[in-house]
Amino acid sequence: MTSVEIAAYGDGIYRAHRELVGTARRQILPSEGQTFYGTPPMHQLFERSTWHSAQHARQIIAVLERFGIEPDAG
């Protein structure tokens, strides 16, 4: 997968999230989310999704730095 493809995927996730937030303002979300690890409260599911993605970003940065590649913040 190229960096352009990864960025496009991220943009798609961002657009889907914005759409969900817009929809959420018009309707009530369920109090729990169905996941492979159970049915956590929705606020915990959103929190986990956020920190989990951030952790993977930190891991990618660490790998790049080990190879002497300066991560691009842009």
PDB file of N, CA and C in Angstrom:
ATOM      1  N   MET A   1       0.849  -1.169   0.000  1.00  0.00           N
ATOM      2  CA  MET A   1       0.000   0.000   0.000  1.00  0.00           C
ATOM      3  C   MET A   1       0.898   1.236   0.000  1.00  0.00           C
ATOM      4  N   THR A   2       0.580   2.188  -0.851  1.00  0.00           N
ATOM      5  CA  THR A   2       1.398   3.402  -0.940  1.00  0.00           C
ATOM      6  C   THR A   2       0.926   4.429   0.087  1.00  0.00           C
ATOM      7  N   SER A   3       1.763   5.445   0.297  1.00  0.00           N
ATOM      8  CA  SER A   3       1.381   6.505   1.233  1.00  0.00           C
ATOM      9  C   SER A   3       0.148   7.252   0.740  1.00  0.00           C
ATOM     10  N   VAL A   4       0.011   7.381  -0.566  1.00  0.00           N
ATOM     11  CA  VAL A   4      -1.175   8.046  -1.134  1.00  0.00           C
ATOM     12  C   VAL A   4      -2.432   7.220  -0.829  1.00  0.00           C
ATOM     13  N   GLU A   5      -2.335   5.904  -0.965  1.00  0.00           N
ATOM     14  CA  GLU A   5      -3.474   5.033  -0.656  1.00  0.00           C
ATOM     15  C   GLU A   5      -3.824   5.080   0.829  1.00  0.00           C
ATOM     16  N   ILE A   6      -2.804   5.108   1.684  1.00  0.00           N
ATOM     17  CA  ILE A   6      -3.038   5.190   3.127  1.00  0.00           C
ATOM     18  C   ILE A   6      -3.727   6.511   3.464  1.00  0.00           C
ATOM     19  N   ALA A   7      -3.242   7.603   2.868  1.00  0.00           N
ATOM     20  CA  ALA A   7      -3.855   8.911   3.109  1.00  0.00           C
ATOM     21  C   ALA A   7      -5.299   8.931   2.621  1.00  0.00           C
ATOM     22  N   ALA A   8      -5.559   8.327   1.471  1.00  0.00           N
ATOM     23  CA  ALA A   8      -6.927   8.279   0.941  1.00  0.00           C
ATOM     24  C   ALA A   8      -7.829   7.469   1.869  1.00  0.00           C
ATOM     25  N   TYR A   9      -7.309   6.379   2.406  1.00  0.00           N
ATOM     26  CA  TYR A   9      -8.076   5.574   3.358  1.00  0.00           C
ATOM     27  C   TYR A   9      -8.409   6.409   4.594  1.00  0.00           C
ATOM     28  N   GLY A  10      -7.402   7.111   5.119  1.00  0.00           N
ATOM     29  CA  GLY A  10      -7.623   7.975   6.279  1.00  0.00           C
ATOM     30  C   GLY A  10      -8.662   9.047   5.997  1.00  0.00           C
ATOM     31  N   ASP A  11      -8.602   9.640   4.805  1.00  0.00           N
ATOM     32  CA  ASP A  11      -9.595  10.645   4.423  1.00  0.00           C
ATOM     33  C   ASP A  11     -11.000  10.039   4.412  1.00  0.00           C
ATOM     34  N   GLY A  12     -11.108   8.805   3.937  1.00  0.00           N
ATOM     35  CA  GLY A  12     -12.406   8.129   3.926  1.00  0.00           C
ATOM     36  C   GLY A  12     -12.945   7.915   5.330  1.00  0.00           C
ATOM     37  N   ILE A  13     -12.064   7.518   6.250  1.00  0.00           N
ATOM     38  CA  ILE A  13     -12.459   7.334   7.650  1.00  0.00           C
ATOM     39  C   ILE A  13     -12.908   8.668   8.234  1.00  0.00           C
ATOM     40  N   TYR A  14     -12.145   9.725   7.937  1.00  0.00           N
ATOM     41  CA  TYR A  14     -12.483  11.055   8.436  1.00  0.00           C
ATOM     42  C   TYR A  14     -13.869  11.488   7.937  1.00  0.00           C
ATOM     43  N   ARG A  15     -14.136  11.289   6.636  1.00  0.00           N
ATOM     44  CA  ARG A  15     -15.434  11.655   6.074  1.00  0.00           C
ATOM     45  C   ARG A  15     -16.562  10.824   6.705  1.00  0.00           C
ATOM     46  N   ALA A  16     -16.321   9.536   6.903  1.00  0.00           N
ATOM     47  CA  ALA A  16     -17.336   8.669   7.515  1.00  0.00           C
ATOM     48  C   ALA A  16     -17.633   9.125   8.940  1.00  0.00           C
ATOM     49  N   HIS A  17     -16.589   9.519   9.672  1.00  0.00           N
ATOM     50  CA  HIS A  17     -16.771   9.996  11.044  1.00  0.00           C
ATOM     51  C   HIS A  17     -17.598  11.278  11.052  1.00  0.00           C
ATOM     52  N   ARG A  18     -17.262  12.206  10.154  1.00  0.00           N
ATOM     53  CA  ARG A  18     -18.025  13.467  10.086  1.00  0.00           C
ATOM     54  C   ARG A  18     -19.496  13.194   9.757  1.00  0.00           C
ATOM     55  N   GLU A  19     -19.722  12.233   8.872  1.00  0.00           N
ATOM     56  CA  GLU A  19     -21.093  11.870   8.512  1.00  0.00           C
ATOM     57  C   GLU A  19     -21.815  11.269   9.711  1.00  0.00           C
ATOM     58  N   LEU A  20     -21.114  10.401  10.449  1.00  0.00           N
ATOM     59  CA  LEU A  20     -21.703   9.797  11.640  1.00  0.00           C
ATOM     60  C   LEU A  20     -22.056  10.859  12.667  1.00  0.00           C
ATOM     61  N   VAL A  21     -21.153  11.788  12.895  1.00  0.00           N
ATOM     62  CA  VAL A  21     -21.412  12.847  13.870  1.00  0.00           C
ATOM     63  C   VAL A  21     -22.617  13.667  13.433  1.00  0.00           C
ATOM     64  N   GLY A  22     -22.702  13.980  12.143  1.00  0.00           N
ATOM     65  CA  GLY A  22     -23.857  14.714  11.640  1.00  0.00           C
ATOM     66  C   GLY A  22     -25.143  13.941  11.837  1.00  0.00           C
ATOM     67  N   THR A  23     -25.101  12.643  11.593  1.00  0.00           N
ATOM     68  CA  THR A  23     -26.269  11.789  11.792  1.00  0.00           C
ATOM     69  C   THR A  23     -26.604  11.684  13.272  1.00  0.00           C
ATOM     70  N   ALA A  24     -25.574  11.586  14.109  1.00  0.00           N
ATOM     71  CA  ALA A  24     -25.779  11.432  15.553  1.00  0.00           C
ATOM     72  C   ALA A  24     -26.495  12.640  16.133  1.00  0.00           C
ATOM     73  N   ARG A  25     -26.264  13.796  15.550  1.00  0.00           N
ATOM     74  CA  ARG A  25     -26.944  14.989  16.054  1.00  0.00           C
ATOM     75  C   ARG A  25     -28.445  14.927  15.774  1.00  0.00           C
ATOM     76  N   ARG A  26     -28.824  14.141  14.793  1.00  0.00           N
ATOM     77  CA  ARG A  26     -30.230  14.050  14.413  1.00  0.00           C
ATOM     78  C   ARG A  26     -30.935  12.843  15.049  1.00  0.00           C
ATOM     79  N   GLN A  27     -30.186  11.942  15.642  1.00  0.00           N
ATOM     80  CA  GLN A  27     -30.802  10.761  16.251  1.00  0.00           C
ATOM     81  C   GLN A  27     -29.986  10.326  17.454  1.00  0.00           C
ATOM     82  N   ILE A  28     -30.559   9.510  18.272  1.00  0.00           N
ATOM     83  CA  ILE A  28     -29.877   9.019  19.472  1.00  0.00           C
ATOM     84  C   ILE A  28     -29.099   7.761  19.116  1.00  0.00           C
ATOM     85  N   LEU A  29     -27.828   7.732  19.499  1.00  0.00           N
ATOM     86  CA  LEU A  29     -27.006   6.545  19.279  1.00  0.00           C
ATOM     87  C   LEU A  29     -27.358   5.490  20.314  1.00  0.00           C
ATOM     88  N   PRO A  30     -27.121   4.215  19.995  1.00  0.00           N
ATOM     89  CA  PRO A  30     -27.336   3.173  21.004  1.00  0.00           C
ATOM     90  C   PRO A  30     -26.393   3.379  22.186  1.00  0.00           C
ATOM     91  N   SER A  31     -26.778   2.910  23.336  1.00  0.00           N
ATOM     92  CA  SER A  31     -25.949   3.104  24.533  1.00  0.00           C
ATOM     93  C   SER A  31     -24.752   2.159  24.560  1.00  0.00           C
ATOM     94  N   GLU A  32     -24.799   1.089  23.762  1.00  0.00           N
ATOM     95  CA  GLU A  32     -23.695   0.135  23.703  1.00  0.00           C
ATOM     96  C   GLU A  32     -23.341  -0.150  22.253  1.00  0.00           C
ATOM     97  N   GLY A  33     -22.081  -0.534  22.033  1.00  0.00           N
ATOM     98  CA  GLY A  33     -21.635  -0.894  20.696  1.00  0.00           C
ATOM     99  C   GLY A  33     -21.317  -2.379  20.625  1.00  0.00           C
ATOM    100  N   GLN A  34     -21.681  -3.015  19.563  1.00  0.00           N
ATOM    101  CA  GLN A  34     -21.396  -4.440  19.380  1.00  0.00           C
ATOM    102  C   GLN A  34     -20.009  -4.576  18.754  1.00  0.00           C
ATOM    103  N   THR A  35     -19.090  -5.250  19.439  1.00  0.00           N
ATOM    104  CA  THR A  35     -17.726  -5.433  18.956  1.00  0.00           C
ATOM    105  C   THR A  35     -17.317  -6.890  19.107  1.00  0.00           C
ATOM    106  N   PHE A  36     -16.127  -7.205  18.597  1.00  0.00           N
ATOM    107  CA  PHE A  36     -15.623  -8.573  18.737  1.00  0.00           C
ATOM    108  C   PHE A  36     -15.246  -8.889  20.177  1.00  0.00           C
ATOM    109  N   TYR A  37     -15.079  -7.847  21.009  1.00  0.00           N
ATOM    110  CA  TYR A  37     -14.691  -8.088  22.400  1.00  0.00           C
ATOM    111  C   TYR A  37     -15.845  -7.829  23.376  1.00  0.00           C
ATOM    112  N   GLY A  38     -17.058  -7.743  22.882  1.00  0.00           N
ATOM    113  CA  GLY A  38     -18.210  -7.570  23.756  1.00  0.00           C
ATOM    114  C   GLY A  38     -19.069  -6.385  23.348  1.00  0.00           C
ATOM    115  N   THR A  39     -19.804  -5.855  24.319  1.00  0.00           N
ATOM    116  CA  THR A  39     -20.680  -4.719  24.062  1.00  0.00           C
ATOM    117  C   THR A  39     -20.388  -3.601  25.069  1.00  0.00           C
ATOM    118  N   PRO A  40     -19.310  -2.859  24.821  1.00  0.00           N
ATOM    119  CA  PRO A  40     -18.963  -1.777  25.747  1.00  0.00           C
ATOM    120  C   PRO A  40     -19.916  -0.589  25.575  1.00  0.00           C
ATOM    121  N   PRO A  41     -19.980   0.271  26.601  1.00  0.00           N
ATOM    122  CA  PRO A  41     -20.738   1.509  26.430  1.00  0.00           C
ATOM    123  C   PRO A  41     -20.180   2.287  25.231  1.00  0.00           C
ATOM    124  N   MET A  42     -21.048   2.989  24.517  1.00  0.00           N
ATOM    125  CA  MET A  42     -20.637   3.671  23.297  1.00  0.00           C
ATOM    126  C   MET A  42     -19.502   4.665  23.547  1.00  0.00           C
ATOM    127  N   HIS A  43     -19.526   5.385  24.679  1.00  0.00           N
ATOM    128  CA  HIS A  43     -18.456   6.352  24.929  1.00  0.00           C
ATOM    129  C   HIS A  43     -17.103   5.642  25.082  1.00  0.00           C
ATOM    130  N   GLN A  44     -17.096   4.443  25.651  1.00  0.00           N
ATOM    131  CA  GLN A  44     -15.847   3.691  25.761  1.00  0.00           C
ATOM    132  C   GLN A  44     -15.383   3.197  24.391  1.00  0.00           C
ATOM    133  N   LEU A  45     -16.317   2.816  23.548  1.00  0.00           N
ATOM    134  CA  LEU A  45     -15.971   2.373  22.204  1.00  0.00           C
ATOM    135  C   LEU A  45     -15.317   3.518  21.419  1.00  0.00           C
ATOM    136  N   PHE A  46     -15.885   4.731  21.501  1.00  0.00           N
ATOM    137  CA  PHE A  46     -15.299   5.881  20.818  1.00  0.00           C
ATOM    138  C   PHE A  46     -13.915   6.200  21.382  1.00  0.00           C
ATOM    139  N   GLU A  47     -13.785   6.156  22.715  1.00  0.00           N
ATOM    140  CA  GLU A  47     -12.492   6.445  23.333  1.00  0.00           C
ATOM    141  C   GLU A  47     -11.447   5.417  22.899  1.00  0.00           C
ATOM    142  N   ARG A  48     -11.796   4.145  22.928  1.00  0.00           N
ATOM    143  CA  ARG A  48     -10.856   3.101  22.536  1.00  0.00           C
ATOM    144  C   ARG A  48     -10.456   3.251  21.070  1.00  0.00           C
ATOM    145  N   SER A  49     -11.418   3.557  20.217  1.00  0.00           N
ATOM    146  CA  SER A  49     -11.115   3.743  18.794  1.00  0.00           C
ATOM    147  C   SER A  49     -10.117   4.866  18.592  1.00  0.00           C
ATOM    148  N   THR A  50     -10.252   5.920  19.371  1.00  0.00           N
ATOM    149  CA  THR A  50      -9.357   7.071  19.258  1.00  0.00           C
ATOM    150  C   THR A  50      -7.952   6.720  19.717  1.00  0.00           C
ATOM    151  N   TRP A  51      -7.805   6.190  20.945  1.00  0.00           N
ATOM    152  CA  TRP A  51      -6.448   5.934  21.429  1.00  0.00           C
ATOM    153  C   TRP A  51      -5.790   4.788  20.680  1.00  0.00           C
ATOM    154  N   HIS A  52      -6.582   3.835  20.203  1.00  0.00           N
ATOM    155  CA  HIS A  52      -6.013   2.705  19.475  1.00  0.00           C
ATOM    156  C   HIS A  52      -5.380   3.187  18.158  1.00  0.00           C
ATOM    157  N   SER A  53      -6.094   4.053  17.451  1.00  0.00           N
ATOM    158  CA  SER A  53      -5.548   4.617  16.209  1.00  0.00           C
ATOM    159  C   SER A  53      -4.307   5.442  16.487  1.00  0.00           C
ATOM    160  N   ALA A  54      -4.348   6.242  17.554  1.00  0.00           N
ATOM    161  CA  ALA A  54      -3.189   7.066  17.920  1.00  0.00           C
ATOM    162  C   ALA A  54      -1.983   6.188  18.260  1.00  0.00           C
ATOM    163  N   GLN A  55      -2.211   5.072  18.931  1.00  0.00           N
ATOM    164  CA  GLN A  55      -1.108   4.166  19.267  1.00  0.00           C
ATOM    165  C   GLN A  55      -0.453   3.615  18.004  1.00  0.00           C
ATOM    166  N   HIS A  56      -1.250   3.249  17.013  1.00  0.00           N
ATOM    167  CA  HIS A  56      -0.669   2.754  15.762  1.00  0.00           C
ATOM    168  C   HIS A  56       0.129   3.850  15.060  1.00  0.00           C
ATOM    169  N   ALA A  57      -0.349   5.075  15.121  1.00  0.00           N
ATOM    170  CA  ALA A  57       0.406   6.188  14.530  1.00  0.00           C
ATOM    171  C   ALA A  57       1.755   6.334  15.235  1.00  0.00           C
ATOM    172  N   ARG A  58       1.757   6.242  16.559  1.00  0.00           N
ATOM    173  CA  ARG A  58       3.024   6.317  17.315  1.00  0.00           C
ATOM    174  C   ARG A  58       3.953   5.165  16.937  1.00  0.00           C
ATOM    175  N   GLN A  59       3.399   3.975  16.731  1.00  0.00           N
ATOM    176  CA  GLN A  59       4.222   2.830  16.338  1.00  0.00           C
ATOM    177  C   GLN A  59       4.854   3.048  14.971  1.00  0.00           C
ATOM    178  N   ILE A  60       4.090   3.595  14.027  1.00  0.00           N
ATOM    179  CA  ILE A  60       4.629   3.870  12.690  1.00  0.00           C
ATOM    180  C   ILE A  60       5.748   4.898  12.788  1.00  0.00           C
ATOM    181  N   ILE A  61       5.549   5.940  13.592  1.00  0.00           N
ATOM    182  CA  ILE A  61       6.584   6.962  13.782  1.00  0.00           C
ATOM    183  C   ILE A  61       7.848   6.328  14.355  1.00  0.00           C
ATOM    184  N   ALA A  62       7.716   5.449  15.341  1.00  0.00           N
ATOM    185  CA  ALA A  62       8.875   4.797  15.952  1.00  0.00           C
ATOM    186  C   ALA A  62       9.646   3.965  14.930  1.00  0.00           C
ATOM    187  N   VAL A  63       8.932   3.246  14.071  1.00  0.00           N
ATOM    188  CA  VAL A  63       9.597   2.436  13.041  1.00  0.00           C
ATOM    189  C   VAL A  63      10.338   3.335  12.059  1.00  0.00           C
ATOM    190  N   LEU A  64       9.688   4.401  11.612  1.00  0.00           N
ATOM    191  CA  LEU A  64      10.350   5.327  10.691  1.00  0.00           C
ATOM    192  C   LEU A  64      11.628   5.892  11.315  1.00  0.00           C
ATOM    193  N   GLU A  65      11.532   6.302  12.574  1.00  0.00           N
ATOM    194  CA  GLU A  65      12.709   6.869  13.245  1.00  0.00           C
ATOM    195  C   GLU A  65      13.835   5.860  13.380  1.00  0.00           C
ATOM    196  N   ARG A  66      13.496   4.587  13.611  1.00  0.00           N
ATOM    197  CA  ARG A  66      14.542   3.552  13.703  1.00  0.00           C
ATOM    198  C   ARG A  66      15.283   3.397  12.384  1.00  0.00           C
ATOM    199  N   PHE A  67      14.608   3.668  11.270  1.00  0.00           N
ATOM    200  CA  PHE A  67      15.237   3.604   9.967  1.00  0.00           C
ATOM    201  C   PHE A  67      15.851   4.930   9.549  1.00  0.00           C
ATOM    202  N   GLY A  68      15.866   5.890  10.464  1.00  0.00           N
ATOM    203  CA  GLY A  68      16.466   7.179  10.172  1.00  0.00           C
ATOM    204  C   GLY A  68      15.611   8.050   9.279  1.00  0.00           C
ATOM    205  N   ILE A  69      14.326   7.781   9.231  1.00  0.00           N
ATOM    206  CA  ILE A  69      13.403   8.567   8.404  1.00  0.00           C
ATOM    207  C   ILE A  69      12.641   9.526   9.316  1.00  0.00           C
ATOM    208  N   GLU A  70      12.726  10.802   8.983  1.00  0.00           N
ATOM    209  CA  GLU A  70      12.017  11.820   9.766  1.00  0.00           C
ATOM    210  C   GLU A  70      10.537  11.807   9.368  1.00  0.00           C
ATOM    211  N   PRO A  71       9.618  11.495  10.307  1.00  0.00           N
ATOM    212  CA  PRO A  71       8.196  11.494   9.961  1.00  0.00           C
ATOM    213  C   PRO A  71       7.750  12.891   9.517  1.00  0.00           C
ATOM    214  N   ASP A  72       6.882  12.932   8.519  1.00  0.00           N
ATOM    215  CA  ASP A  72       6.358  14.176   7.985  1.00  0.00           C
ATOM    216  C   ASP A  72       5.050  14.501   8.699  1.00  0.00           C
ATOM    217  N   ALA A  73       5.030  15.610   9.403  1.00  0.00           N
ATOM    218  CA  ALA A  73       3.831  15.988  10.159  1.00  0.00           C
ATOM    219  C   ALA A  73       2.747  16.569   9.259  1.00  0.00           C
ATOM    220  N   GLY A  74       3.030  16.743   7.981  1.00  0.00           N
ATOM    221  CA  GLY A  74       2.050  17.370   7.083  1.00  0.00           C
ATOM    222  C   GLY A  74       1.072  16.412   6.616  1.00  0.00           C
TER     223      GLY A  74
END
